[in-house]
Amino acid sequence: MTLNRLGAGNRMTDAIVHGDKVYLSGYVAEKAVGGTVAEQTADILAQIDETLAQAGSDKTKIIKAVIWLTDMGTWAEMNTVWDKWVVPGQTPCRAAVHSAKLAAAGLDVEIMIEAAI
């Protein structure tokens, strides 16, 4: 079994390619920490686009997405960015879950993706 690790670190790896799938870790904002949920979501989706491209995939091949929000009251705000990003007719299975806290202050959205290559 071969695992191709993209962005391997001491604690975790950004993504792992195994066979014909790529598994992304939970992505949080990098540039938009402390920003609005819309800004954080856009930041995260840009990172996901970059990682999927590195793995030889793209957003049309996403199988499953899990989204964590610190406040479900921001669900519609997150969806405004998500809906502009996804390709109509090629949307993934998705769950959005309320999370009391994420890993650090100023983070209000986390997205985890599994995609085909």
PDB file of N, CA and C in Angstrom:
ATOM      1  N   MET A   1       0.853  -1.175   0.000  1.00  0.00           N
ATOM      2  CA  MET A   1       0.000   0.000   0.000  1.00  0.00           C
ATOM      3  C   MET A   1       0.894   1.231   0.000  1.00  0.00           C
ATOM      4  N   THR A   2       0.725   2.082  -1.002  1.00  0.00           N
ATOM      5  CA  THR A   2       1.516   3.292  -1.118  1.00  0.00           C
ATOM      6  C   THR A   2       0.671   4.493  -0.710  1.00  0.00           C
ATOM      7  N   LEU A   3       1.228   5.315   0.172  1.00  0.00           N
ATOM      8  CA  LEU A   3       0.597   6.565   0.578  1.00  0.00           C
ATOM      9  C   LEU A   3       1.505   7.703   0.147  1.00  0.00           C
ATOM     10  N   ASN A   4       0.960   8.646  -0.615  1.00  0.00           N
ATOM     11  CA  ASN A   4       1.700   9.831  -1.014  1.00  0.00           C
ATOM     12  C   ASN A   4       1.232  10.964  -0.120  1.00  0.00           C
ATOM     13  N   ARG A   5       2.104  11.419   0.758  1.00  0.00           N
ATOM     14  CA  ARG A   5       1.755  12.463   1.727  1.00  0.00           C
ATOM     15  C   ARG A   5       2.101  13.834   1.161  1.00  0.00           C
ATOM     16  N   LEU A   6       1.122  14.727   1.142  1.00  0.00           N
ATOM     17  CA  LEU A   6       1.325  16.100   0.687  1.00  0.00           C
ATOM     18  C   LEU A   6       1.324  17.008   1.914  1.00  0.00           C
ATOM     19  N   GLY A   7       2.384  17.744   2.106  1.00  0.00           N
ATOM     20  CA  GLY A   7       2.461  18.639   3.258  1.00  0.00           C
ATOM     21  C   GLY A   7       2.568  17.897   4.574  1.00  0.00           C
ATOM     22  N   ALA A   8       3.410  16.875   4.620  1.00  0.00           N
ATOM     23  CA  ALA A   8       3.573  16.093   5.859  1.00  0.00           C
ATOM     24  C   ALA A   8       4.288  16.927   6.910  1.00  0.00           C
ATOM     25  N   GLY A   9       3.740  16.922   8.107  1.00  0.00           N
ATOM     26  CA  GLY A   9       4.338  17.640   9.223  1.00  0.00           C
ATOM     27  C   GLY A   9       4.566  16.712  10.393  1.00  0.00           C
ATOM     28  N   ASN A  10       5.013  17.271  11.490  1.00  0.00           N
ATOM     29  CA  ASN A  10       5.273  16.475  12.694  1.00  0.00           C
ATOM     30  C   ASN A  10       4.002  15.925  13.320  1.00  0.00           C
ATOM     31  N   ARG A  11       2.916  16.672  13.248  1.00  0.00           N
ATOM     32  CA  ARG A  11       1.665  16.274  13.892  1.00  0.00           C
ATOM     33  C   ARG A  11       0.659  15.698  12.913  1.00  0.00           C
ATOM     34  N   MET A  12       0.629  16.231  11.712  1.00  0.00           N
ATOM     35  CA  MET A  12      -0.371  15.804  10.738  1.00  0.00           C
ATOM     36  C   MET A  12       0.106  16.109   9.324  1.00  0.00           C
ATOM     37  N   THR A  13      -0.618  15.564   8.358  1.00  0.00           N
ATOM     38  CA  THR A  13      -0.344  15.757   6.941  1.00  0.00           C
ATOM     39  C   THR A  13      -1.516  16.487   6.323  1.00  0.00           C
ATOM     40  N   ASP A  14      -1.225  17.424   5.419  1.00  0.00           N
ATOM     41  CA  ASP A  14      -2.298  18.183   4.773  1.00  0.00           C
ATOM     42  C   ASP A  14      -3.233  17.286   3.976  1.00  0.00           C
ATOM     43  N   ALA A  15      -2.647  16.337   3.230  1.00  0.00           N
ATOM     44  CA  ALA A  15      -3.455  15.438   2.410  1.00  0.00           C
ATOM     45  C   ALA A  15      -2.676  14.152   2.151  1.00  0.00           C
ATOM     46  N   ILE A  16      -3.424  13.081   1.949  1.00  0.00           N
ATOM     47  CA  ILE A  16      -2.812  11.793   1.611  1.00  0.00           C
ATOM     48  C   ILE A  16      -3.515  11.248   0.375  1.00  0.00           C
ATOM     49  N   VAL A  17      -2.693  10.899  -0.621  1.00  0.00           N
ATOM     50  CA  VAL A  17      -3.202  10.247  -1.826  1.00  0.00           C
ATOM     51  C   VAL A  17      -2.995   8.753  -1.638  1.00  0.00           C
ATOM     52  N   HIS A  18      -4.090   8.016  -1.778  1.00  0.00           N
ATOM     53  CA  HIS A  18      -4.047   6.558  -1.668  1.00  0.00           C
ATOM     54  C   HIS A  18      -4.891   5.996  -2.799  1.00  0.00           C
ATOM     55  N   GLY A  19      -4.257   5.255  -3.682  1.00  0.00           N
ATOM     56  CA  GLY A  19      -4.993   4.720  -4.824  1.00  0.00           C
ATOM     57  C   GLY A  19      -5.548   5.846  -5.666  1.00  0.00           C
ATOM     58  N   ASP A  20      -6.851   5.805  -5.907  1.00  0.00           N
ATOM     59  CA  ASP A  20      -7.481   6.824  -6.742  1.00  0.00           C
ATOM     60  C   ASP A  20      -8.260   7.853  -5.931  1.00  0.00           C
ATOM     61  N   LYS A  21      -7.860   8.022  -4.654  1.00  0.00           N
ATOM     62  CA  LYS A  21      -8.524   9.005  -3.790  1.00  0.00           C
ATOM     63  C   LYS A  21      -7.504   9.881  -3.081  1.00  0.00           C
ATOM     64  N   VAL A  22      -7.966  11.060  -2.711  1.00  0.00           N
ATOM     65  CA  VAL A  22      -7.163  11.965  -1.897  1.00  0.00           C
ATOM     66  C   VAL A  22      -8.004  12.362  -0.689  1.00  0.00           C
ATOM     67  N   TYR A  23      -7.370  12.304   0.467  1.00  0.00           N
ATOM     68  CA  TYR A  23      -8.020  12.604   1.741  1.00  0.00           C
ATOM     69  C   TYR A  23      -7.364  13.850   2.321  1.00  0.00           C
ATOM     70  N   LEU A  24      -8.136  14.902   2.507  1.00  0.00           N
ATOM     71  CA  LEU A  24      -7.604  16.136   3.068  1.00  0.00           C
ATOM     72  C   LEU A  24      -7.907  16.212   4.554  1.00  0.00           C
ATOM     73  N   SER A  25      -6.949  16.736   5.302  1.00  0.00           N
ATOM     74  CA  SER A  25      -7.176  17.012   6.720  1.00  0.00           C
ATOM     75  C   SER A  25      -8.213  18.117   6.837  1.00  0.00           C
ATOM     76  N   GLY A  26      -8.629  18.398   8.046  1.00  0.00           N
ATOM     77  CA  GLY A  26      -9.514  19.532   8.252  1.00  0.00           C
ATOM     78  C   GLY A  26      -8.755  20.821   7.973  1.00  0.00           C
ATOM     79  N   TYR A  27      -9.261  21.629   7.055  1.00  0.00           N
ATOM     80  CA  TYR A  27      -8.617  22.895   6.703  1.00  0.00           C
ATOM     81  C   TYR A  27      -9.303  24.041   7.426  1.00  0.00           C
ATOM     82  N   VAL A  28      -8.495  24.941   7.952  1.00  0.00           N
ATOM     83  CA  VAL A  28      -8.978  26.156   8.603  1.00  0.00           C
ATOM     84  C   VAL A  28      -8.347  27.353   7.902  1.00  0.00           C
ATOM     85  N   ALA A  29      -8.866  28.520   8.185  1.00  0.00           N
ATOM     86  CA  ALA A  29      -8.340  29.741   7.572  1.00  0.00           C
ATOM     87  C   ALA A  29      -6.868  29.931   7.929  1.00  0.00           C
ATOM     88  N   GLU A  30      -6.105  30.414   6.963  1.00  0.00           N
ATOM     89  CA  GLU A  30      -4.719  30.804   7.203  1.00  0.00           C
ATOM     90  C   GLU A  30      -4.596  32.317   7.151  1.00  0.00           C
ATOM     91  N   LYS A  31      -5.113  32.926   6.094  1.00  0.00           N
ATOM     92  CA  LYS A  31      -5.014  34.379   5.910  1.00  0.00           C
ATOM     93  C   LYS A  31      -6.170  35.124   6.577  1.00  0.00           C
ATOM     94  N   ALA A  32      -7.292  34.450   6.756  1.00  0.00           N
ATOM     95  CA  ALA A  32      -8.507  35.116   7.251  1.00  0.00           C
ATOM     96  C   ALA A  32      -8.830  34.766   8.707  1.00  0.00           C
ATOM     97  N   VAL A  33      -7.843  34.341   9.477  1.00  0.00           N
ATOM     98  CA  VAL A  33      -8.089  34.029  10.899  1.00  0.00           C
ATOM     99  C   VAL A  33      -8.685  35.270  11.570  1.00  0.00           C
ATOM    100  N   GLY A  34      -9.785  35.086  12.274  1.00  0.00           N
ATOM    101  CA  GLY A  34     -10.445  36.197  12.954  1.00  0.00           C
ATOM    102  C   GLY A  34     -11.385  36.983  12.056  1.00  0.00           C
ATOM    103  N   GLY A  35     -11.394  36.661  10.761  1.00  0.00           N
ATOM    104  CA  GLY A  35     -12.283  37.340   9.825  1.00  0.00           C
ATOM    105  C   GLY A  35     -13.688  36.781   9.894  1.00  0.00           C
ATOM    106  N   THR A  36     -14.525  37.240   9.003  1.00  0.00           N
ATOM    107  CA  THR A  36     -15.901  36.752   8.965  1.00  0.00           C
ATOM    108  C   THR A  36     -15.912  35.292   8.520  1.00  0.00           C
ATOM    109  N   VAL A  37     -17.030  34.645   8.737  1.00  0.00           N
ATOM    110  CA  VAL A  37     -17.185  33.266   8.288  1.00  0.00           C
ATOM    111  C   VAL A  37     -17.051  33.193   6.765  1.00  0.00           C
ATOM    112  N   ALA A  38     -17.577  34.166   6.047  1.00  0.00           N
ATOM    113  CA  ALA A  38     -17.442  34.193   4.588  1.00  0.00           C
ATOM    114  C   ALA A  38     -15.973  34.297   4.192  1.00  0.00           C
ATOM    115  N   GLU A  39     -15.219  35.163   4.846  1.00  0.00           N
ATOM    116  CA  GLU A  39     -13.790  35.312   4.538  1.00  0.00           C
ATOM    117  C   GLU A  39     -13.022  34.039   4.863  1.00  0.00           C
ATOM    118  N   GLN A  40     -13.315  33.439   6.002  1.00  0.00           N
ATOM    119  CA  GLN A  40     -12.648  32.198   6.378  1.00  0.00           C
ATOM    120  C   GLN A  40     -12.983  31.080   5.398  1.00  0.00           C
ATOM    121  N   THR A  41     -14.240  30.988   5.006  1.00  0.00           N
ATOM    122  CA  THR A  41     -14.654  29.941   4.064  1.00  0.00           C
ATOM    123  C   THR A  41     -13.936  30.112   2.730  1.00  0.00           C
ATOM    124  N   ALA A  42     -13.863  31.333   2.221  1.00  0.00           N
ATOM    125  CA  ALA A  42     -13.173  31.589   0.955  1.00  0.00           C
ATOM    126  C   ALA A  42     -11.695  31.214   1.057  1.00  0.00           C
ATOM    127  N   ASP A  43     -11.065  31.544   2.160  1.00  0.00           N
ATOM    128  CA  ASP A  43      -9.666  31.206   2.408  1.00  0.00           C
ATOM    129  C   ASP A  43      -9.486  29.686   2.385  1.00  0.00           C
ATOM    130  N   ILE A  44     -10.337  28.983   3.091  1.00  0.00           N
ATOM    131  CA  ILE A  44     -10.256  27.516   3.169  1.00  0.00           C
ATOM    132  C   ILE A  44     -10.466  26.890   1.793  1.00  0.00           C
ATOM    133  N   LEU A  45     -11.461  27.344   1.063  1.00  0.00           N
ATOM    134  CA  LEU A  45     -11.752  26.760  -0.247  1.00  0.00           C
ATOM    135  C   LEU A  45     -10.610  27.003  -1.234  1.00  0.00           C
ATOM    136  N   ALA A  46      -9.929  28.136  -1.128  1.00  0.00           N
ATOM    137  CA  ALA A  46      -8.751  28.387  -1.972  1.00  0.00           C
ATOM    138  C   ALA A  46      -7.641  27.395  -1.640  1.00  0.00           C
ATOM    139  N   GLN A  47      -7.447  27.124  -0.340  1.00  0.00           N
ATOM    140  CA  GLN A  47      -6.446  26.132   0.066  1.00  0.00           C
ATOM    141  C   GLN A  47      -6.806  24.741  -0.456  1.00  0.00           C
ATOM    142  N   ILE A  48      -8.085  24.409  -0.383  1.00  0.00           N
ATOM    143  CA  ILE A  48      -8.550  23.106  -0.865  1.00  0.00           C
ATOM    144  C   ILE A  48      -8.308  22.996  -2.368  1.00  0.00           C
ATOM    145  N   ASP A  49      -8.613  24.051  -3.129  1.00  0.00           N
ATOM    146  CA  ASP A  49      -8.350  24.040  -4.571  1.00  0.00           C
ATOM    147  C   ASP A  49      -6.873  23.746  -4.846  1.00  0.00           C
ATOM    148  N   GLU A  50      -5.980  24.412  -4.123  1.00  0.00           N
ATOM    149  CA  GLU A  50      -4.539  24.223  -4.314  1.00  0.00           C
ATOM    150  C   GLU A  50      -4.117  22.790  -4.000  1.00  0.00           C
ATOM    151  N   THR A  51      -4.606  22.253  -2.898  1.00  0.00           N
ATOM    152  CA  THR A  51      -4.223  20.900  -2.497  1.00  0.00           C
ATOM    153  C   THR A  51      -4.773  19.866  -3.460  1.00  0.00           C
ATOM    154  N   LEU A  52      -6.015  20.032  -3.876  1.00  0.00           N
ATOM    155  CA  LEU A  52      -6.587  19.096  -4.840  1.00  0.00           C
ATOM    156  C   LEU A  52      -5.786  19.114  -6.146  1.00  0.00           C
ATOM    157  N   ALA A  53      -5.367  20.293  -6.589  1.00  0.00           N
ATOM    158  CA  ALA A  53      -4.564  20.391  -7.809  1.00  0.00           C
ATOM    159  C   ALA A  53      -3.232  19.665  -7.635  1.00  0.00           C
ATOM    160  N   GLN A  54      -2.600  19.817  -6.477  1.00  0.00           N
ATOM    161  CA  GLN A  54      -1.346  19.101  -6.197  1.00  0.00           C
ATOM    162  C   GLN A  54      -1.536  17.596  -6.280  1.00  0.00           C
ATOM    163  N   ALA A  55      -2.712  17.139  -5.880  1.00  0.00           N
ATOM    164  CA  ALA A  55      -3.003  15.702  -5.864  1.00  0.00           C
ATOM    165  C   ALA A  55      -3.490  15.197  -7.222  1.00  0.00           C
ATOM    166  N   GLY A  56      -3.684  16.105  -8.178  1.00  0.00           N
ATOM    167  CA  GLY A  56      -4.185  15.699  -9.489  1.00  0.00           C
ATOM    168  C   GLY A  56      -5.696  15.613  -9.538  1.00  0.00           C
ATOM    169  N   SER A  57      -6.372  16.385  -8.711  1.00  0.00           N
ATOM    170  CA  SER A  57      -7.829  16.354  -8.639  1.00  0.00           C
ATOM    171  C   SER A  57      -8.360  17.782  -8.710  1.00  0.00           C
ATOM    172  N   ASP A  58      -9.653  17.936  -8.539  1.00  0.00           N
ATOM    173  CA  ASP A  58     -10.278  19.260  -8.469  1.00  0.00           C
ATOM    174  C   ASP A  58     -11.637  19.136  -7.780  1.00  0.00           C
ATOM    175  N   LYS A  59     -12.277  20.280  -7.570  1.00  0.00           N
ATOM    176  CA  LYS A  59     -13.522  20.298  -6.799  1.00  0.00           C
ATOM    177  C   LYS A  59     -14.665  19.526  -7.440  1.00  0.00           C
ATOM    178  N   THR A  60     -14.595  19.245  -8.731  1.00  0.00           N
ATOM    179  CA  THR A  60     -15.654  18.460  -9.373  1.00  0.00           C
ATOM    180  C   THR A  60     -15.558  16.989  -9.007  1.00  0.00           C
ATOM    181  N   LYS A  61     -14.458  16.590  -8.377  1.00  0.00           N
ATOM    182  CA  LYS A  61     -14.246  15.191  -8.016  1.00  0.00           C
ATOM    183  C   LYS A  61     -14.374  14.950  -6.514  1.00  0.00           C
ATOM    184  N   ILE A  62     -14.854  15.963  -5.787  1.00  0.00           N
ATOM    185  CA  ILE A  62     -15.040  15.796  -4.339  1.00  0.00           C
ATOM    186  C   ILE A  62     -16.190  14.829  -4.099  1.00  0.00           C
ATOM    187  N   ILE A  63     -15.922  13.840  -3.271  1.00  0.00           N
ATOM    188  CA  ILE A  63     -16.921  12.836  -2.921  1.00  0.00           C
ATOM    189  C   ILE A  63     -17.683  13.265  -1.675  1.00  0.00           C
ATOM    190  N   LYS A  64     -16.925  13.725  -0.670  1.00  0.00           N
ATOM    191  CA  LYS A  64     -17.543  14.022   0.618  1.00  0.00           C
ATOM    192  C   LYS A  64     -16.874  15.235   1.252  1.00  0.00           C
ATOM    193  N   ALA A  65     -17.680  16.086   1.861  1.00  0.00           N
ATOM    194  CA  ALA A  65     -17.182  17.230   2.611  1.00  0.00           C
ATOM    195  C   ALA A  65     -17.860  17.257   3.978  1.00  0.00           C
ATOM    196  N   VAL A  66     -17.071  17.541   4.997  1.00  0.00           N
ATOM    197  CA  VAL A  66     -17.609  17.754   6.338  1.00  0.00           C
ATOM    198  C   VAL A  66     -17.187  19.162   6.754  1.00  0.00           C
ATOM    199  N   ILE A  67     -18.158  19.944   7.199  1.00  0.00           N
ATOM    200  CA  ILE A  67     -17.904  21.331   7.585  1.00  0.00           C
ATOM    201  C   ILE A  67     -18.289  21.502   9.045  1.00  0.00           C
ATOM    202  N   TRP A  68     -17.362  22.061   9.823  1.00  0.00           N
ATOM    203  CA  TRP A  68     -17.635  22.369  11.225  1.00  0.00           C
ATOM    204  C   TRP A  68     -17.744  23.879  11.354  1.00  0.00           C
ATOM    205  N   LEU A  69     -18.771  24.330  12.051  1.00  0.00           N
ATOM    206  CA  LEU A  69     -18.996  25.752  12.326  1.00  0.00           C
ATOM    207  C   LEU A  69     -19.100  25.955  13.831  1.00  0.00           C
ATOM    208  N   THR A  70     -18.477  27.004  14.345  1.00  0.00           N
ATOM    209  CA  THR A  70     -18.595  27.271  15.781  1.00  0.00           C
ATOM    210  C   THR A  70     -19.968  27.833  16.129  1.00  0.00           C
ATOM    211  N   ASP A  71     -20.689  28.322  15.117  1.00  0.00           N
ATOM    212  CA  ASP A  71     -22.016  28.896  15.336  1.00  0.00           C
ATOM    213  C   ASP A  71     -22.892  28.561  14.133  1.00  0.00           C
ATOM    214  N   MET A  72     -23.905  27.733  14.333  1.00  0.00           N
ATOM    215  CA  MET A  72     -24.786  27.368  13.217  1.00  0.00           C
ATOM    216  C   MET A  72     -25.563  28.571  12.694  1.00  0.00           C
ATOM    217  N   GLY A  73     -25.570  29.668  13.443  1.00  0.00           N
ATOM    218  CA  GLY A  73     -26.179  30.898  12.960  1.00  0.00           C
ATOM    219  C   GLY A  73     -25.427  31.487  11.768  1.00  0.00           C
ATOM    220  N   THR A  74     -24.211  30.982  11.499  1.00  0.00           N
ATOM    221  CA  THR A  74     -23.412  31.458  10.368  1.00  0.00           C
ATOM    222  C   THR A  74     -23.497  30.513   9.172  1.00  0.00           C
ATOM    223  N   TRP A  75     -24.353  29.508   9.264  1.00  0.00           N
ATOM    224  CA  TRP A  75     -24.495  28.507   8.206  1.00  0.00           C
ATOM    225  C   TRP A  75     -24.831  29.145   6.861  1.00  0.00           C
ATOM    226  N   ALA A  76     -25.767  30.077   6.837  1.00  0.00           N
ATOM    227  CA  ALA A  76     -26.160  30.735   5.587  1.00  0.00           C
ATOM    228  C   ALA A  76     -25.003  31.557   5.016  1.00  0.00           C
ATOM    229  N   GLU A  77     -24.251  32.215   5.886  1.00  0.00           N
ATOM    230  CA  GLU A  77     -23.092  33.008   5.444  1.00  0.00           C
ATOM    231  C   GLU A  77     -22.049  32.103   4.788  1.00  0.00           C
ATOM    232  N   MET A  78     -21.760  30.979   5.424  1.00  0.00           N
ATOM    233  CA  MET A  78     -20.810  30.018   4.855  1.00  0.00           C
ATOM    234  C   MET A  78     -21.329  29.514   3.519  1.00  0.00           C
ATOM    235  N   ASN A  79     -22.621  29.214   3.445  1.00  0.00           N
ATOM    236  CA  ASN A  79     -23.216  28.683   2.215  1.00  0.00           C
ATOM    237  C   ASN A  79     -23.156  29.662   1.053  1.00  0.00           C
ATOM    238  N   THR A  80     -23.180  30.966   1.307  1.00  0.00           N
ATOM    239  CA  THR A  80     -23.093  31.929   0.199  1.00  0.00           C
ATOM    240  C   THR A  80     -21.770  31.764  -0.539  1.00  0.00           C
ATOM    241  N   VAL A  81     -20.701  31.500   0.195  1.00  0.00           N
ATOM    242  CA  VAL A  81     -19.385  31.303  -0.422  1.00  0.00           C
ATOM    243  C   VAL A  81     -19.311  29.906  -1.032  1.00  0.00           C
ATOM    244  N   TRP A  82     -19.753  28.912  -0.285  1.00  0.00           N
ATOM    245  CA  TRP A  82     -19.731  27.519  -0.762  1.00  0.00           C
ATOM    246  C   TRP A  82     -20.502  27.391  -2.078  1.00  0.00           C
ATOM    247  N   ASP A  83     -21.707  27.964  -2.131  1.00  0.00           N
ATOM    248  CA  ASP A  83     -22.568  27.828  -3.306  1.00  0.00           C
ATOM    249  C   ASP A  83     -21.955  28.452  -4.552  1.00  0.00           C
ATOM    250  N   LYS A  84     -21.172  29.517  -4.393  1.00  0.00           N
ATOM    251  CA  LYS A  84     -20.478  30.137  -5.533  1.00  0.00           C
ATOM    252  C   LYS A  84     -19.281  29.302  -5.965  1.00  0.00           C
ATOM    253  N   TRP A  85     -18.733  28.528  -5.047  1.00  0.00           N
ATOM    254  CA  TRP A  85     -17.518  27.743  -5.307  1.00  0.00           C
ATOM    255  C   TRP A  85     -17.812  26.414  -5.988  1.00  0.00           C
ATOM    256  N   VAL A  86     -18.829  25.701  -5.535  1.00  0.00           N
ATOM    257  CA  VAL A  86     -19.112  24.377  -6.101  1.00  0.00           C
ATOM    258  C   VAL A  86     -19.622  24.501  -7.532  1.00  0.00           C
ATOM    259  N   VAL A  87     -19.461  23.425  -8.271  1.00  0.00           N
ATOM    260  CA  VAL A  87     -19.925  23.382  -9.652  1.00  0.00           C
ATOM    261  C   VAL A  87     -21.331  22.772  -9.648  1.00  0.00           C
ATOM    262  N   PRO A  88     -22.342  23.508 -10.142  1.00  0.00           N
ATOM    263  CA  PRO A  88     -23.697  22.968 -10.165  1.00  0.00           C
ATOM    264  C   PRO A  88     -23.745  21.606 -10.866  1.00  0.00           C
ATOM    265  N   GLY A  89     -24.470  20.688 -10.255  1.00  0.00           N
ATOM    266  CA  GLY A  89     -24.592  19.348 -10.799  1.00  0.00           C
ATOM    267  C   GLY A  89     -23.434  18.433 -10.436  1.00  0.00           C
ATOM    268  N   GLN A  90     -22.392  18.982  -9.785  1.00  0.00           N
ATOM    269  CA  GLN A  90     -21.236  18.183  -9.388  1.00  0.00           C
ATOM    270  C   GLN A  90     -20.916  18.391  -7.912  1.00  0.00           C
ATOM    271  N   THR A  91     -21.956  18.650  -7.148  1.00  0.00           N
ATOM    272  CA  THR A  91     -21.776  18.892  -5.722  1.00  0.00           C
ATOM    273  C   THR A  91     -21.535  17.577  -4.972  1.00  0.00           C
ATOM    274  N   PRO A  92     -20.736  17.630  -3.906  1.00  0.00           N
ATOM    275  CA  PRO A  92     -20.429  16.418  -3.136  1.00  0.00           C
ATOM    276  C   PRO A  92     -21.499  16.117  -2.093  1.00  0.00           C
ATOM    277  N   CYS A  93     -21.397  14.939  -1.519  1.00  0.00           N
ATOM    278  CA  CYS A  93     -22.145  14.664  -0.288  1.00  0.00           C
ATOM    279  C   CYS A  93     -21.560  15.608   0.754  1.00  0.00           C
ATOM    280  N   ARG A  94     -22.386  16.111   1.668  1.00  0.00           N
ATOM    281  CA  ARG A  94     -21.879  17.107   2.600  1.00  0.00           C
ATOM    282  C   ARG A  94     -22.627  17.063   3.912  1.00  0.00           C
ATOM    283  N   ALA A  95     -21.890  17.340   4.982  1.00  0.00           N
ATOM    284  CA  ALA A  95     -22.491  17.522   6.298  1.00  0.00           C
ATOM    285  C   ALA A  95     -21.950  18.820   6.878  1.00  0.00           C
ATOM    286  N   ALA A  96     -22.800  19.544   7.563  1.00  0.00           N
ATOM    287  CA  ALA A  96     -22.384  20.745   8.297  1.00  0.00           C
ATOM    288  C   ALA A  96     -22.758  20.515   9.749  1.00  0.00           C
ATOM    289  N   VAL A  97     -21.775  20.673  10.621  1.00  0.00           N
ATOM    290  CA  VAL A  97     -21.940  20.304  12.019  1.00  0.00           C
ATOM    291  C   VAL A  97     -21.572  21.479  12.923  1.00  0.00           C
ATOM    292  N   HIS A  98     -22.346  21.661  13.982  1.00  0.00           N
ATOM    293  CA  HIS A  98     -22.009  22.676  14.980  1.00  0.00           C
ATOM    294  C   HIS A  98     -20.904  22.146  15.874  1.00  0.00           C
ATOM    295  N   SER A  99     -19.897  22.960  16.058  1.00  0.00           N
ATOM    296  CA  SER A  99     -18.779  22.619  16.940  1.00  0.00           C
ATOM    297  C   SER A  99     -18.647  23.730  17.960  1.00  0.00           C
ATOM    298  N   ALA A 100     -18.539  23.394  19.222  1.00  0.00           N
ATOM    299  CA  ALA A 100     -18.424  24.421  20.250  1.00  0.00           C
ATOM    300  C   ALA A 100     -17.149  25.242  20.084  1.00  0.00           C
ATOM    301  N   LYS A 101     -16.043  24.587  19.775  1.00  0.00           N
ATOM    302  CA  LYS A 101     -14.763  25.274  19.588  1.00  0.00           C
ATOM    303  C   LYS A 101     -13.961  24.560  18.520  1.00  0.00           C
ATOM    304  N   LEU A 102     -13.125  25.327  17.845  1.00  0.00           N
ATOM    305  CA  LEU A 102     -12.157  24.743  16.927  1.00  0.00           C
ATOM    306  C   LEU A 102     -10.784  24.872  17.587  1.00  0.00           C
ATOM    307  N   ALA A 103      -9.735  24.526  16.865  1.00  0.00           N
ATOM    308  CA  ALA A 103      -8.400  24.384  17.443  1.00  0.00           C
ATOM    309  C   ALA A 103      -7.810  25.658  18.041  1.00  0.00           C
ATOM    310  N   ALA A 104      -8.190  26.815  17.529  1.00  0.00           N
ATOM    311  CA  ALA A 104      -7.594  28.060  18.020  1.00  0.00           C
ATOM    312  C   ALA A 104      -8.607  29.197  17.961  1.00  0.00           C
ATOM    313  N   ALA A 105      -8.368  30.223  18.752  1.00  0.00           N
ATOM    314  CA  ALA A 105      -9.224  31.399  18.738  1.00  0.00           C
ATOM    315  C   ALA A 105      -9.189  32.038  17.350  1.00  0.00           C
ATOM    316  N   GLY A 106     -10.320  32.571  16.921  1.00  0.00           N
ATOM    317  CA  GLY A 106     -10.401  33.229  15.625  1.00  0.00           C
ATOM    318  C   GLY A 106     -10.736  32.300  14.479  1.00  0.00           C
ATOM    319  N   LEU A 107     -10.876  31.012  14.772  1.00  0.00           N
ATOM    320  CA  LEU A 107     -11.269  30.039  13.750  1.00  0.00           C
ATOM    321  C   LEU A 107     -12.728  29.666  13.967  1.00  0.00           C
ATOM    322  N   ASP A 108     -13.533  29.871  12.943  1.00  0.00           N
ATOM    323  CA  ASP A 108     -14.961  29.602  13.051  1.00  0.00           C
ATOM    324  C   ASP A 108     -15.470  28.577  12.046  1.00  0.00           C
ATOM    325  N   VAL A 109     -14.596  28.142  11.129  1.00  0.00           N
ATOM    326  CA  VAL A 109     -14.965  27.187  10.082  1.00  0.00           C
ATOM    327  C   VAL A 109     -13.815  26.215   9.886  1.00  0.00           C
ATOM    328  N   GLU A 110     -14.149  24.937   9.731  1.00  0.00           N
ATOM    329  CA  GLU A 110     -13.163  23.921   9.355  1.00  0.00           C
ATOM    330  C   GLU A 110     -13.833  23.002   8.344  1.00  0.00           C
ATOM    331  N   ILE A 111     -13.082  22.659   7.282  1.00  0.00           N
ATOM    332  CA  ILE A 111     -13.642  21.822   6.211  1.00  0.00           C
ATOM    333  C   ILE A 111     -12.687  20.673   5.918  1.00  0.00           C
ATOM    334  N   MET A 112     -13.249  19.470   5.853  1.00  0.00           N
ATOM    335  CA  MET A 112     -12.498  18.265   5.539  1.00  0.00           C
ATOM    336  C   MET A 112     -13.083  17.642   4.279  1.00  0.00           C
ATOM    337  N   ILE A 113     -12.213  17.213   3.372  1.00  0.00           N
ATOM    338  CA  ILE A 113     -12.622  16.753   2.040  1.00  0.00           C
ATOM    339  C   ILE A 113     -12.052  15.373   1.732  1.00  0.00           C
ATOM    340  N   GLU A 114     -12.829  14.563   1.014  1.00  0.00           N
ATOM    341  CA  GLU A 114     -12.343  13.343   0.362  1.00  0.00           C
ATOM    342  C   GLU A 114     -12.724  13.470  -1.098  1.00  0.00           C
ATOM    343  N   ALA A 115     -11.768  13.171  -1.988  1.00  0.00           N
ATOM    344  CA  ALA A 115     -12.035  13.334  -3.418  1.00  0.00           C
ATOM    345  C   ALA A 115     -11.410  12.202  -4.224  1.00  0.00           C
ATOM    346  N   ALA A 116     -11.945  12.008  -5.406  1.00  0.00           N
ATOM    347  CA  ALA A 116     -11.368  11.068  -6.364  1.00  0.00           C
ATOM    348  C   ALA A 116     -10.265  11.803  -7.147  1.00  0.00           C
ATOM    349  N   ILE A 117      -9.417  11.019  -7.761  1.00  0.00           N
ATOM    350  CA  ILE A 117      -8.358  11.616  -8.587  1.00  0.00           C
ATOM    351  C   ILE A 117      -8.685  11.390 -10.045  1.00  0.00           C
TER     352      ILE A 117
END
